[in-house]
Amino acid sequence: MERITKATLRERAQNVNRRLRGEHHPLSVRGHYVYVEYRNGHVALDEYNNGECLRTLTVGNKREVADFLHAMMVGIDLSRA
């Protein structure tokens, strides 16, 4: 089983954000991005738009958030296939 670190979460969030920016696709969402934060002993994944936090998408341990980010990547890829 892969060890999930803060670096893993940062890389996966960057991957999701690259997919969200998809410049040459009509479904691209400009200004939206996700950001991993740490609060109260948990990991949170927040959605931002132009620097403003819109909502918290999920909260859990590192593995749970990493799995959520992976699912986001797969979902974005499938929506564009």
C-alpha atoms as a PDB file:
ATOM      1  CA  MET A   1       0.000   0.000   0.000  1.00  0.00           C
ATOM      2  CA  GLU A   2       1.329   3.416  -1.006  1.00  0.00           C
ATOM      3  CA  ARG A   3       2.348   5.731   1.811  1.00  0.00           C
ATOM      4  CA  ILE A   4       0.407   9.006   1.620  1.00  0.00           C
ATOM      5  CA  THR A   5       2.374  12.089   2.610  1.00  0.00           C
ATOM      6  CA  LYS A   6       1.722  15.826   2.521  1.00  0.00           C
ATOM      7  CA  ALA A   7       3.748  15.886  -0.704  1.00  0.00           C
ATOM      8  CA  THR A   8       1.438  13.239  -2.201  1.00  0.00           C
ATOM      9  CA  LEU A   9      -1.593  15.383  -1.387  1.00  0.00           C
ATOM     10  CA  ARG A  10       0.044  18.506  -2.807  1.00  0.00           C
ATOM     11  CA  GLU A  11       0.909  16.683  -6.056  1.00  0.00           C
ATOM     12  CA  ARG A  12      -2.597  15.265  -6.445  1.00  0.00           C
ATOM     13  CA  ALA A  13      -4.191  18.664  -5.813  1.00  0.00           C
ATOM     14  CA  GLN A  14      -1.890  20.162  -8.474  1.00  0.00           C
ATOM     15  CA  ASN A  15      -2.972  17.388 -10.848  1.00  0.00           C
ATOM     16  CA  VAL A  16      -6.659  18.163 -10.259  1.00  0.00           C
ATOM     17  CA  ASN A  17      -5.988  21.880 -10.752  1.00  0.00           C
ATOM     18  CA  ARG A  18      -4.206  21.220 -14.064  1.00  0.00           C
ATOM     19  CA  ARG A  19      -7.231  19.266 -15.235  1.00  0.00           C
ATOM     20  CA  LEU A  20      -9.608  22.021 -14.113  1.00  0.00           C
ATOM     21  CA  ARG A  21      -7.591  24.586 -16.101  1.00  0.00           C
ATOM     22  CA  GLY A  22      -7.750  22.470 -19.304  1.00  0.00           C
ATOM     23  CA  GLU A  23      -7.282  25.475 -21.574  1.00  0.00           C
ATOM     24  CA  HIS A  24      -8.452  23.939 -24.832  1.00  0.00           C
ATOM     25  CA  HIS A  25     -11.582  22.223 -23.604  1.00  0.00           C
ATOM     26  CA  PRO A  26     -15.072  23.774 -23.453  1.00  0.00           C
ATOM     27  CA  LEU A  27     -15.686  22.336 -19.970  1.00  0.00           C
ATOM     28  CA  SER A  28     -12.632  24.036 -18.458  1.00  0.00           C
ATOM     29  CA  VAL A  29     -13.343  26.003 -15.293  1.00  0.00           C
ATOM     30  CA  ARG A  30     -11.157  29.083 -15.066  1.00  0.00           C
ATOM     31  CA  GLY A  31     -10.456  30.532 -11.644  1.00  0.00           C
ATOM     32  CA  HIS A  32     -11.559  27.382  -9.798  1.00  0.00           C
ATOM     33  CA  TYR A  33      -9.019  25.311  -7.912  1.00  0.00           C
ATOM     34  CA  VAL A  34      -8.718  22.990  -4.953  1.00  0.00           C
ATOM     35  CA  TYR A  35      -6.376  23.450  -2.023  1.00  0.00           C
ATOM     36  CA  VAL A  36      -5.354  21.037   0.729  1.00  0.00           C
ATOM     37  CA  GLU A  37      -5.319  22.454   4.251  1.00  0.00           C
ATOM     38  CA  TYR A  38      -4.638  21.003   7.682  1.00  0.00           C
ATOM     39  CA  ARG A  39      -6.862  21.927  10.603  1.00  0.00           C
ATOM     40  CA  ASN A  40      -7.813  20.422  13.928  1.00  0.00           C
ATOM     41  CA  GLY A  41      -5.753  17.295  13.263  1.00  0.00           C
ATOM     42  CA  HIS A  42      -7.526  16.567   9.975  1.00  0.00           C
ATOM     43  CA  VAL A  43      -6.893  17.176   6.314  1.00  0.00           C
ATOM     44  CA  ALA A  44      -9.429  19.320   4.448  1.00  0.00           C
ATOM     45  CA  LEU A  45      -9.890  19.821   0.733  1.00  0.00           C
ATOM     46  CA  ASP A  46     -11.369  23.206  -0.083  1.00  0.00           C
ATOM     47  CA  GLU A  47     -12.700  24.608  -3.350  1.00  0.00           C
ATOM     48  CA  TYR A  48     -11.643  28.142  -4.270  1.00  0.00           C
ATOM     49  CA  ASN A  49     -12.673  30.524  -7.005  1.00  0.00           C
ATOM     50  CA  ASN A  50     -10.446  33.527  -7.686  1.00  0.00           C
ATOM     51  CA  GLY A  51      -8.951  33.348  -4.186  1.00  0.00           C
ATOM     52  CA  GLU A  52     -12.268  33.020  -2.332  1.00  0.00           C
ATOM     53  CA  CYS A  53     -13.051  29.789  -0.493  1.00  0.00           C
ATOM     54  CA  LEU A  54     -16.404  28.550  -1.757  1.00  0.00           C
ATOM     55  CA  ARG A  55     -16.748  25.375   0.288  1.00  0.00           C
ATOM     56  CA  THR A  56     -15.039  22.462   1.936  1.00  0.00           C
ATOM     57  CA  LEU A  57     -15.286  19.427  -0.335  1.00  0.00           C
ATOM     58  CA  THR A  58     -14.165  16.790   2.153  1.00  0.00           C
ATOM     59  CA  VAL A  59     -12.382  16.315   5.469  1.00  0.00           C
ATOM     60  CA  GLY A  60     -10.586  13.215   6.673  1.00  0.00           C
ATOM     61  CA  ASN A  61      -7.207  11.635   7.081  1.00  0.00           C
ATOM     62  CA  LYS A  62      -4.490  11.866   4.417  1.00  0.00           C
ATOM     63  CA  ARG A  63      -5.507   8.624   2.702  1.00  0.00           C
ATOM     64  CA  GLU A  64      -9.180   9.580   2.520  1.00  0.00           C
ATOM     65  CA  VAL A  65      -8.394  12.960   0.973  1.00  0.00           C
ATOM     66  CA  ALA A  66      -5.864  11.373  -1.414  1.00  0.00           C
ATOM     67  CA  ASP A  67      -8.535   8.908  -2.559  1.00  0.00           C
ATOM     68  CA  PHE A  68     -11.017  11.766  -3.017  1.00  0.00           C
ATOM     69  CA  LEU A  69      -8.485  13.683  -5.153  1.00  0.00           C
ATOM     70  CA  HIS A  70      -7.860  10.564  -7.244  1.00  0.00           C
ATOM     71  CA  ALA A  71     -11.607  10.159  -7.784  1.00  0.00           C
ATOM     72  CA  MET A  72     -11.806  13.803  -8.874  1.00  0.00           C
ATOM     73  CA  MET A  73      -9.069  13.233 -11.472  1.00  0.00           C
ATOM     74  CA  VAL A  74     -10.821  10.155 -12.844  1.00  0.00           C
ATOM     75  CA  GLY A  75     -14.159  11.970 -12.944  1.00  0.00           C
ATOM     76  CA  ILE A  76     -12.709  14.952 -14.813  1.00  0.00           C
ATOM     77  CA  ASP A  77     -10.970  12.655 -17.304  1.00  0.00           C
ATOM     78  CA  LEU A  78     -14.141  10.618 -17.889  1.00  0.00           C
ATOM     79  CA  SER A  79     -16.239  13.739 -18.396  1.00  0.00           C
ATOM     80  CA  ARG A  80     -13.914  14.785 -21.207  1.00  0.00           C
ATOM     81  CA  ALA A  81     -13.616  11.422 -22.955  1.00  0.00           C
END
